[in-house]
């Protein structure tokens, strides 16, 4: 097999991408400390037509060489906003009719494959700090907590990986 060239992939320019209709899907990063993880979330959000990313608390914002290293320019294509607190971001989203879905392992969480996003719904996926997860105050205002099933010896996935898995799940259901 021959590897596809950049021309074979028919990618949009940044201007074309910005004009495309996006999914009513927002990513909220709650105090994510790794700039590489932030960049990875930008890149994955670009791939799955995410409406915007809300960067909250200690989560760094573009421009940043470290974010760019993994975002590879997606920090320029995906809209983003900064909020001093995640609660402030969620308040804005809830007032706009978004269902807040927190990625967290809690009692009563719903396994991701059991959650069926409505194609006409509006969703916010909240991912948290690499060590401490999503802040408990944020978990308490969630409409649903989603858990990605795992079967190995580790108890969690990298924040950018778990966000990517969740985005794929929502993308498949909503497009």
N, C-alpha and C. Protein backbone atom coordinates (compact mmCIF):
# COMPACT_ATOMS: atom_id res chain seq x y z
N UNK A 1 0.84 -1.18 0.00
CA UNK A 1 0.00 0.00 0.00
C UNK A 1 0.88 1.24 0.00
N UNK A 2 0.38 2.25 -0.65
CA UNK A 2 1.09 3.52 -0.72
C UNK A 2 0.50 4.49 0.29
N UNK A 3 1.36 5.13 1.06
CA UNK A 3 0.92 6.10 2.05
C UNK A 3 0.31 7.31 1.33
N UNK A 4 -0.78 7.84 1.89
CA UNK A 4 -1.44 9.02 1.32
C UNK A 4 -0.56 10.25 1.48
N UNK A 5 -0.59 11.11 0.49
CA UNK A 5 0.11 12.38 0.58
C UNK A 5 -0.84 13.42 1.17
N UNK A 6 -0.31 14.57 1.50
CA UNK A 6 -1.13 15.66 2.04
C UNK A 6 -2.22 16.06 1.04
N UNK A 7 -1.92 15.96 -0.24
CA UNK A 7 -2.94 16.27 -1.27
C UNK A 7 -4.06 15.23 -1.29
N UNK A 8 -3.70 13.96 -1.05
CA UNK A 8 -4.71 12.90 -1.02
C UNK A 8 -5.69 13.07 0.13
N UNK A 9 -5.26 13.70 1.20
CA UNK A 9 -6.08 13.84 2.40
C UNK A 9 -7.13 14.94 2.28
N UNK A 10 -6.98 15.86 1.31
CA UNK A 10 -7.96 16.93 1.06
C UNK A 10 -8.31 17.70 2.33
N UNK A 11 -7.33 18.20 3.03
CA UNK A 11 -7.55 18.93 4.27
C UNK A 11 -7.95 20.37 3.99
N UNK A 12 -8.80 20.90 4.87
CA UNK A 12 -9.21 22.30 4.79
C UNK A 12 -8.04 23.21 5.17
N UNK A 13 -8.09 24.42 4.67
CA UNK A 13 -7.23 25.46 5.21
C UNK A 13 -7.83 25.88 6.54
N UNK A 14 -7.09 26.64 7.33
CA UNK A 14 -7.64 27.12 8.61
C UNK A 14 -8.89 27.95 8.36
N UNK A 15 -8.87 28.78 7.33
CA UNK A 15 -10.04 29.61 7.03
C UNK A 15 -11.25 28.75 6.65
N UNK A 16 -11.05 27.72 5.84
CA UNK A 16 -12.14 26.83 5.46
C UNK A 16 -12.67 26.08 6.68
N UNK A 17 -11.76 25.62 7.50
CA UNK A 17 -12.15 24.89 8.70
C UNK A 17 -12.99 25.76 9.62
N UNK A 18 -12.57 26.99 9.82
CA UNK A 18 -13.31 27.89 10.71
C UNK A 18 -14.74 28.15 10.21
N UNK A 19 -14.96 28.08 8.89
CA UNK A 19 -16.29 28.29 8.33
C UNK A 19 -17.17 27.04 8.37
N UNK A 20 -16.58 25.89 8.59
CA UNK A 20 -17.34 24.63 8.62
C UNK A 20 -18.27 24.59 9.82
N UNK A 21 -19.38 23.91 9.64
CA UNK A 21 -20.29 23.71 10.77
C UNK A 21 -19.64 22.72 11.73
N UNK A 22 -19.64 23.07 13.00
CA UNK A 22 -19.06 22.23 14.04
C UNK A 22 -20.16 21.48 14.78
N UNK A 23 -19.75 20.45 15.46
CA UNK A 23 -20.69 19.75 16.34
C UNK A 23 -20.98 20.63 17.55
N UNK A 24 -22.17 20.56 18.11
CA UNK A 24 -22.46 21.30 19.35
C UNK A 24 -21.81 20.57 20.53
N UNK A 25 -20.48 20.59 20.51
CA UNK A 25 -19.67 19.83 21.44
C UNK A 25 -18.51 20.70 21.89
N UNK A 26 -18.38 20.87 23.20
CA UNK A 26 -17.34 21.71 23.79
C UNK A 26 -16.49 20.85 24.70
N UNK A 27 -15.18 21.09 24.67
CA UNK A 27 -14.27 20.44 25.61
C UNK A 27 -13.92 21.45 26.69
N UNK A 28 -14.00 21.03 27.94
CA UNK A 28 -13.63 21.87 29.08
C UNK A 28 -12.45 21.19 29.77
N UNK A 29 -11.32 21.90 29.83
CA UNK A 29 -10.15 21.37 30.53
C UNK A 29 -10.06 22.01 31.90
N UNK A 30 -10.24 21.18 32.92
CA UNK A 30 -10.26 21.61 34.32
C UNK A 30 -8.88 21.43 34.93
N UNK A 31 -8.11 22.52 34.95
CA UNK A 31 -6.79 22.53 35.60
C UNK A 31 -5.83 21.47 35.06
N UNK A 32 -5.76 21.37 33.74
CA UNK A 32 -4.82 20.46 33.10
C UNK A 32 -3.46 21.14 33.08
N UNK A 33 -2.46 20.47 33.62
CA UNK A 33 -1.17 21.13 33.80
C UNK A 33 -0.19 20.93 32.65
N UNK A 34 -0.28 19.84 31.91
CA UNK A 34 0.69 19.54 30.85
C UNK A 34 0.34 20.26 29.55
N UNK A 35 1.26 21.08 29.10
CA UNK A 35 1.05 21.79 27.85
C UNK A 35 0.99 20.83 26.67
N UNK A 36 1.69 19.70 26.77
CA UNK A 36 1.60 18.69 25.71
C UNK A 36 0.21 18.07 25.66
N UNK A 37 -0.39 17.82 26.81
CA UNK A 37 -1.76 17.30 26.83
C UNK A 37 -2.74 18.32 26.27
N UNK A 38 -2.56 19.57 26.61
CA UNK A 38 -3.43 20.63 26.09
C UNK A 38 -3.33 20.66 24.57
N UNK A 39 -2.11 20.62 24.05
CA UNK A 39 -1.91 20.61 22.60
C UNK A 39 -2.55 19.41 21.94
N UNK A 40 -2.44 18.25 22.56
CA UNK A 40 -3.07 17.04 22.02
C UNK A 40 -4.58 17.17 21.97
N UNK A 41 -5.17 17.77 23.00
CA UNK A 41 -6.62 17.97 23.00
C UNK A 41 -7.02 18.94 21.88
N UNK A 42 -6.24 19.97 21.64
CA UNK A 42 -6.53 20.86 20.51
C UNK A 42 -6.53 20.09 19.20
N UNK A 43 -5.52 19.28 19.00
CA UNK A 43 -5.38 18.54 17.74
C UNK A 43 -6.53 17.55 17.54
N UNK A 44 -6.91 16.84 18.60
CA UNK A 44 -8.02 15.90 18.51
C UNK A 44 -9.34 16.65 18.32
N UNK A 45 -9.50 17.79 18.97
CA UNK A 45 -10.71 18.60 18.81
C UNK A 45 -10.86 19.08 17.37
N UNK A 46 -9.76 19.43 16.75
CA UNK A 46 -9.78 19.82 15.33
C UNK A 46 -10.27 18.65 14.48
N UNK A 47 -9.77 17.45 14.75
CA UNK A 47 -10.13 16.27 13.95
C UNK A 47 -11.61 15.94 14.03
N UNK A 48 -12.24 16.20 15.18
CA UNK A 48 -13.62 15.79 15.40
C UNK A 48 -14.61 16.96 15.43
N UNK A 49 -14.23 18.09 14.83
CA UNK A 49 -15.14 19.24 14.63
C UNK A 49 -15.75 19.77 15.93
N UNK A 50 -14.93 19.84 16.96
CA UNK A 50 -15.38 20.40 18.24
C UNK A 50 -15.63 21.90 18.08
N UNK A 51 -16.71 22.36 18.65
CA UNK A 51 -17.10 23.77 18.55
C UNK A 51 -16.06 24.70 19.18
N UNK A 52 -15.61 24.35 20.41
CA UNK A 52 -14.59 25.16 21.07
C UNK A 52 -14.06 24.43 22.30
N UNK A 53 -12.96 24.95 22.80
CA UNK A 53 -12.34 24.42 24.01
C UNK A 53 -12.36 25.53 25.05
N UNK A 54 -12.74 25.18 26.27
CA UNK A 54 -12.68 26.11 27.39
C UNK A 54 -11.52 25.69 28.29
N UNK A 55 -10.55 26.58 28.43
CA UNK A 55 -9.35 26.33 29.21
C UNK A 55 -9.55 26.99 30.57
N UNK A 56 -9.48 26.19 31.64
CA UNK A 56 -9.87 26.70 32.95
C UNK A 56 -8.78 26.54 34.00
N UNK A 57 -8.73 27.53 34.91
CA UNK A 57 -7.82 27.45 36.05
C UNK A 57 -6.37 27.52 35.62
N UNK A 58 -5.56 26.52 36.03
CA UNK A 58 -4.13 26.53 35.72
C UNK A 58 -3.84 26.07 34.28
N UNK A 59 -4.86 25.68 33.54
CA UNK A 59 -4.67 25.23 32.16
C UNK A 59 -4.09 26.38 31.34
N UNK A 60 -2.96 26.13 30.71
CA UNK A 60 -2.29 27.16 29.91
C UNK A 60 -3.06 27.45 28.63
N UNK A 61 -2.79 28.61 28.05
CA UNK A 61 -3.45 29.03 26.82
C UNK A 61 -2.43 29.31 25.73
N UNK A 62 -2.86 29.20 24.47
CA UNK A 62 -1.99 29.63 23.37
C UNK A 62 -1.81 31.15 23.44
N UNK A 63 -0.79 31.70 22.84
CA UNK A 63 0.27 31.00 22.13
C UNK A 63 1.29 30.42 23.10
N UNK A 64 1.79 29.24 22.74
CA UNK A 64 2.79 28.57 23.55
C UNK A 64 3.54 27.57 22.68
N UNK A 65 4.86 27.65 22.67
CA UNK A 65 5.63 26.67 21.89
C UNK A 65 5.36 25.23 22.33
N UNK A 66 5.14 25.02 23.63
CA UNK A 66 4.89 23.66 24.13
C UNK A 66 3.52 23.15 23.70
N UNK A 67 2.50 24.01 23.69
CA UNK A 67 1.18 23.60 23.19
C UNK A 67 1.29 23.33 21.70
N UNK A 68 1.98 24.21 20.97
CA UNK A 68 2.11 24.06 19.52
C UNK A 68 2.80 22.76 19.14
N UNK A 69 3.73 22.30 19.98
CA UNK A 69 4.50 21.08 19.68
C UNK A 69 3.58 19.89 19.42
N UNK A 70 2.48 19.78 20.16
CA UNK A 70 1.55 18.67 19.95
C UNK A 70 0.29 19.09 19.20
N UNK A 71 -0.09 20.35 19.28
CA UNK A 71 -1.28 20.82 18.56
C UNK A 71 -1.02 20.93 17.06
N UNK A 72 0.22 21.21 16.70
CA UNK A 72 0.62 21.34 15.29
C UNK A 72 -0.26 22.32 14.51
N UNK A 73 -0.64 23.41 15.14
CA UNK A 73 -1.43 24.44 14.48
C UNK A 73 -2.92 24.40 14.80
N UNK A 74 -3.39 23.32 15.44
CA UNK A 74 -4.82 23.24 15.78
C UNK A 74 -5.22 24.31 16.78
N UNK A 75 -4.25 24.87 17.50
CA UNK A 75 -4.58 25.97 18.41
C UNK A 75 -5.02 27.20 17.64
N UNK A 76 -4.76 27.21 16.32
CA UNK A 76 -5.20 28.32 15.47
C UNK A 76 -6.54 28.02 14.78
N UNK A 77 -6.89 26.74 14.65
CA UNK A 77 -8.13 26.39 13.96
C UNK A 77 -9.31 26.21 14.92
N UNK A 78 -9.05 25.71 16.11
CA UNK A 78 -10.13 25.46 17.08
C UNK A 78 -10.30 26.70 17.96
N UNK A 79 -11.53 27.17 18.05
CA UNK A 79 -11.81 28.31 18.93
C UNK A 79 -11.59 27.90 20.38
N UNK A 80 -11.14 28.85 21.18
CA UNK A 80 -10.94 28.58 22.60
C UNK A 80 -11.21 29.83 23.41
N UNK A 81 -11.51 29.58 24.70
CA UNK A 81 -11.74 30.66 25.66
C UNK A 81 -11.05 30.26 26.96
N UNK A 82 -10.65 31.26 27.73
CA UNK A 82 -10.08 31.00 29.04
C UNK A 82 -11.05 31.46 30.12
N UNK A 83 -11.18 30.65 31.17
CA UNK A 83 -11.99 30.98 32.34
C UNK A 83 -11.14 30.77 33.59
N UNK A 84 -11.14 31.72 34.51
CA UNK A 84 -10.37 31.54 35.75
C UNK A 84 -10.81 30.31 36.56
N UNK A 85 -12.10 29.96 36.44
CA UNK A 85 -12.58 28.78 37.15
C UNK A 85 -13.46 27.94 36.23
N UNK A 86 -13.39 26.64 36.46
CA UNK A 86 -14.21 25.72 35.67
C UNK A 86 -15.69 25.93 35.98
N UNK A 87 -16.01 26.25 37.20
CA UNK A 87 -17.40 26.48 37.57
C UNK A 87 -18.00 27.64 36.77
N UNK A 88 -17.22 28.67 36.54
CA UNK A 88 -17.67 29.80 35.73
C UNK A 88 -17.96 29.34 34.29
N UNK A 89 -17.09 28.52 33.73
CA UNK A 89 -17.30 28.00 32.37
C UNK A 89 -18.55 27.13 32.31
N UNK A 90 -18.73 26.27 33.30
CA UNK A 90 -19.90 25.38 33.30
C UNK A 90 -21.20 26.14 33.49
N UNK A 91 -21.16 27.19 34.28
CA UNK A 91 -22.35 28.03 34.46
C UNK A 91 -22.78 28.62 33.12
N UNK A 92 -21.80 29.11 32.36
CA UNK A 92 -22.10 29.66 31.03
C UNK A 92 -22.67 28.58 30.11
N UNK A 93 -22.07 27.40 30.13
CA UNK A 93 -22.54 26.31 29.26
C UNK A 93 -23.94 25.85 29.64
N UNK A 94 -24.19 25.70 30.94
CA UNK A 94 -25.52 25.25 31.37
C UNK A 94 -26.59 26.27 30.98
N UNK A 95 -26.26 27.56 31.06
CA UNK A 95 -27.23 28.59 30.67
C UNK A 95 -27.51 28.57 29.17
N UNK A 96 -26.61 27.96 28.40
CA UNK A 96 -26.80 27.83 26.96
C UNK A 96 -27.38 26.47 26.56
N UNK A 97 -27.76 25.67 27.57
CA UNK A 97 -28.43 24.40 27.29
C UNK A 97 -27.53 23.20 27.04
N UNK A 98 -26.27 23.28 27.43
CA UNK A 98 -25.37 22.15 27.26
C UNK A 98 -25.54 21.14 28.38
N UNK A 99 -25.44 19.88 28.05
CA UNK A 99 -25.39 18.80 29.02
C UNK A 99 -23.93 18.63 29.40
N UNK A 100 -23.63 18.71 30.70
CA UNK A 100 -22.26 18.63 31.18
C UNK A 100 -21.92 17.17 31.50
N UNK A 101 -20.93 16.65 30.77
CA UNK A 101 -20.49 15.26 30.90
C UNK A 101 -19.05 15.27 31.42
N UNK A 102 -18.87 14.82 32.64
CA UNK A 102 -17.54 14.79 33.26
C UNK A 102 -16.93 13.42 33.05
N UNK A 103 -15.68 13.39 32.61
CA UNK A 103 -14.94 12.13 32.50
C UNK A 103 -14.28 11.88 33.85
N UNK A 104 -14.87 10.97 34.61
CA UNK A 104 -14.34 10.72 35.96
C UNK A 104 -14.86 9.38 36.47
N UNK A 105 -14.02 8.72 37.24
CA UNK A 105 -14.38 7.46 37.86
C UNK A 105 -15.01 7.76 39.22
N UNK A 106 -16.33 7.72 39.26
CA UNK A 106 -17.06 7.98 40.50
C UNK A 106 -18.16 6.92 40.66
N UNK A 107 -18.62 6.74 41.88
CA UNK A 107 -19.75 5.84 42.09
C UNK A 107 -20.94 6.41 41.33
N UNK A 108 -21.60 5.55 40.57
CA UNK A 108 -22.76 5.99 39.80
C UNK A 108 -22.41 6.48 38.40
N UNK A 109 -21.13 6.40 38.01
CA UNK A 109 -20.77 6.84 36.65
C UNK A 109 -21.38 5.88 35.63
N UNK A 110 -21.51 6.38 34.41
CA UNK A 110 -22.05 5.61 33.30
C UNK A 110 -20.88 5.20 32.41
N UNK A 111 -20.83 3.94 32.06
CA UNK A 111 -19.77 3.48 31.16
C UNK A 111 -19.98 4.14 29.79
N UNK A 112 -18.90 4.64 29.22
CA UNK A 112 -18.99 5.44 27.99
C UNK A 112 -19.79 4.74 26.90
N UNK A 113 -19.56 3.45 26.71
CA UNK A 113 -20.27 2.76 25.61
C UNK A 113 -21.76 2.63 25.88
N UNK A 114 -22.20 2.85 27.12
CA UNK A 114 -23.62 2.80 27.46
C UNK A 114 -24.31 4.16 27.30
N UNK A 115 -23.52 5.22 27.07
CA UNK A 115 -24.07 6.57 26.95
C UNK A 115 -24.31 6.87 25.48
N UNK A 116 -25.54 7.23 25.15
CA UNK A 116 -25.91 7.50 23.76
C UNK A 116 -26.20 9.00 23.59
N UNK A 117 -25.22 9.78 23.13
CA UNK A 117 -25.48 11.20 22.89
C UNK A 117 -26.54 11.37 21.80
N UNK A 118 -27.42 12.30 22.00
CA UNK A 118 -28.43 12.60 21.00
C UNK A 118 -27.80 13.43 19.88
N UNK A 119 -28.07 13.09 18.62
CA UNK A 119 -27.53 13.90 17.52
C UNK A 119 -27.98 15.36 17.58
N UNK A 120 -29.08 15.63 18.26
CA UNK A 120 -29.57 17.01 18.35
C UNK A 120 -29.20 17.67 19.69
N UNK A 121 -28.46 16.97 20.52
CA UNK A 121 -28.08 17.52 21.82
C UNK A 121 -26.90 18.46 21.75
N UNK A 122 -26.65 19.14 22.87
CA UNK A 122 -25.48 20.01 23.03
C UNK A 122 -24.73 19.49 24.25
N UNK A 123 -23.44 19.23 24.09
CA UNK A 123 -22.68 18.57 25.14
C UNK A 123 -21.37 19.29 25.43
N UNK A 124 -20.99 19.21 26.70
CA UNK A 124 -19.67 19.66 27.14
C UNK A 124 -19.01 18.47 27.80
N UNK A 125 -17.80 18.16 27.35
CA UNK A 125 -17.02 17.07 27.95
C UNK A 125 -15.95 17.71 28.82
N UNK A 126 -15.96 17.39 30.12
CA UNK A 126 -15.01 17.96 31.07
C UNK A 126 -13.95 16.91 31.39
N UNK A 127 -12.68 17.29 31.19
CA UNK A 127 -11.55 16.44 31.54
C UNK A 127 -10.70 17.19 32.55
N UNK A 128 -10.07 16.44 33.46
CA UNK A 128 -9.41 17.09 34.57
C UNK A 128 -7.91 16.89 34.69
N UNK A 129 -7.42 17.40 35.78
CA UNK A 129 -6.01 17.38 36.16
C UNK A 129 -5.42 15.97 36.04
N UNK A 130 -4.20 15.88 35.58
CA UNK A 130 -3.56 14.59 35.31
C UNK A 130 -3.43 13.69 36.54
N UNK A 131 -3.30 14.24 37.72
CA UNK A 131 -3.14 13.43 38.93
C UNK A 131 -4.43 13.40 39.74
N UNK A 132 -5.06 14.54 39.92
CA UNK A 132 -6.22 14.66 40.82
C UNK A 132 -7.56 14.49 40.12
N UNK A 133 -7.58 14.47 38.79
CA UNK A 133 -8.84 14.33 38.07
C UNK A 133 -9.65 15.61 38.08
N UNK A 134 -10.93 15.48 37.83
CA UNK A 134 -11.84 16.62 37.81
C UNK A 134 -12.16 17.01 39.25
N UNK A 135 -12.14 18.31 39.51
CA UNK A 135 -12.42 18.84 40.84
C UNK A 135 -13.79 18.32 41.33
N UNK A 136 -13.88 17.85 42.59
CA UNK A 136 -15.14 17.34 43.13
C UNK A 136 -16.30 18.33 43.01
N UNK A 137 -16.03 19.62 43.16
CA UNK A 137 -17.09 20.63 43.01
C UNK A 137 -17.67 20.57 41.59
N UNK A 138 -16.81 20.37 40.61
CA UNK A 138 -17.24 20.26 39.21
C UNK A 138 -18.02 18.96 39.00
N UNK A 139 -17.52 17.87 39.57
CA UNK A 139 -18.22 16.58 39.47
C UNK A 139 -19.64 16.72 40.00
N UNK A 140 -19.81 17.45 41.09
CA UNK A 140 -21.13 17.59 41.72
C UNK A 140 -22.15 18.36 40.89
N UNK A 141 -21.71 19.15 39.92
CA UNK A 141 -22.67 19.88 39.07
C UNK A 141 -22.85 19.22 37.71
N UNK A 142 -22.19 18.08 37.50
CA UNK A 142 -22.30 17.37 36.22
C UNK A 142 -23.71 16.82 36.03
N UNK A 143 -24.12 16.78 34.78
CA UNK A 143 -25.38 16.10 34.44
C UNK A 143 -25.16 14.59 34.40
N UNK A 144 -23.95 14.19 34.02
CA UNK A 144 -23.59 12.77 33.98
C UNK A 144 -22.07 12.65 34.11
N UNK A 145 -21.63 11.61 34.79
CA UNK A 145 -20.20 11.28 34.84
C UNK A 145 -20.00 10.05 33.97
N UNK A 146 -19.06 10.15 33.06
CA UNK A 146 -18.77 9.06 32.13
C UNK A 146 -17.45 8.42 32.50
N UNK A 147 -17.42 7.10 32.43
CA UNK A 147 -16.21 6.36 32.75
C UNK A 147 -15.85 5.47 31.56
N UNK A 148 -14.59 5.50 31.17
CA UNK A 148 -14.12 4.67 30.07
C UNK A 148 -13.71 3.32 30.64
N UNK A 149 -14.32 2.23 30.15
CA UNK A 149 -13.98 0.93 30.69
C UNK A 149 -12.51 0.59 30.42
N UNK A 150 -11.86 0.02 31.42
CA UNK A 150 -10.45 -0.36 31.31
C UNK A 150 -10.28 -1.74 31.91
N UNK A 151 -9.35 -2.50 31.36
CA UNK A 151 -9.21 -3.89 31.80
C UNK A 151 -7.77 -4.27 32.14
N UNK A 152 -6.88 -3.30 32.23
CA UNK A 152 -5.49 -3.60 32.55
C UNK A 152 -5.19 -3.38 34.02
N UNK A 153 -3.92 -3.16 34.32
CA UNK A 153 -3.50 -2.99 35.71
C UNK A 153 -3.53 -1.54 36.16
N UNK A 154 -3.59 -0.60 35.26
CA UNK A 154 -3.61 0.82 35.60
C UNK A 154 -5.04 1.27 35.82
N UNK A 155 -5.21 2.27 36.67
CA UNK A 155 -6.56 2.71 37.02
C UNK A 155 -7.04 3.91 36.21
N UNK A 156 -6.18 4.46 35.33
CA UNK A 156 -6.62 5.62 34.58
C UNK A 156 -5.86 5.72 33.26
N UNK A 157 -6.37 6.57 32.38
CA UNK A 157 -5.75 6.88 31.10
C UNK A 157 -5.22 8.30 31.13
N UNK A 158 -4.29 8.61 30.26
CA UNK A 158 -3.81 9.98 30.09
C UNK A 158 -5.00 10.86 29.72
N UNK A 159 -5.01 12.09 30.22
CA UNK A 159 -6.14 13.00 30.00
C UNK A 159 -6.40 13.26 28.52
N UNK A 160 -5.36 13.39 27.72
CA UNK A 160 -5.58 13.63 26.29
C UNK A 160 -6.11 12.38 25.60
N UNK A 161 -5.69 11.21 26.06
CA UNK A 161 -6.18 9.95 25.49
C UNK A 161 -7.65 9.76 25.84
N UNK A 162 -8.00 9.95 27.11
CA UNK A 162 -9.40 9.77 27.51
C UNK A 162 -10.30 10.79 26.81
N UNK A 163 -9.82 12.01 26.65
CA UNK A 163 -10.62 13.02 25.93
C UNK A 163 -10.81 12.59 24.48
N UNK A 164 -9.77 12.06 23.87
CA UNK A 164 -9.87 11.60 22.49
C UNK A 164 -10.86 10.47 22.32
N UNK A 165 -10.84 9.51 23.24
CA UNK A 165 -11.79 8.40 23.19
C UNK A 165 -13.22 8.92 23.31
N UNK A 166 -13.45 9.82 24.26
CA UNK A 166 -14.79 10.38 24.45
C UNK A 166 -15.23 11.18 23.22
N UNK A 167 -14.31 11.99 22.66
CA UNK A 167 -14.67 12.78 21.48
C UNK A 167 -15.07 11.88 20.32
N UNK A 168 -14.34 10.79 20.13
CA UNK A 168 -14.69 9.86 19.04
C UNK A 168 -16.11 9.30 19.27
N UNK A 169 -16.41 8.92 20.50
CA UNK A 169 -17.73 8.38 20.83
C UNK A 169 -18.82 9.40 20.50
N UNK A 170 -18.64 10.64 20.92
CA UNK A 170 -19.63 11.68 20.65
C UNK A 170 -19.70 12.00 19.16
N UNK A 171 -18.55 12.09 18.50
CA UNK A 171 -18.49 12.38 17.06
C UNK A 171 -19.30 11.34 16.27
N UNK A 172 -19.09 10.08 16.58
CA UNK A 172 -19.80 9.01 15.87
C UNK A 172 -21.31 9.10 16.07
N UNK A 173 -21.74 9.47 17.26
CA UNK A 173 -23.18 9.55 17.56
C UNK A 173 -23.83 10.80 17.00
N UNK A 174 -23.07 11.90 16.89
CA UNK A 174 -23.68 13.20 16.59
C UNK A 174 -23.55 13.65 15.13
N UNK A 175 -22.62 13.09 14.39
CA UNK A 175 -22.42 13.61 13.03
C UNK A 175 -23.46 13.14 12.06
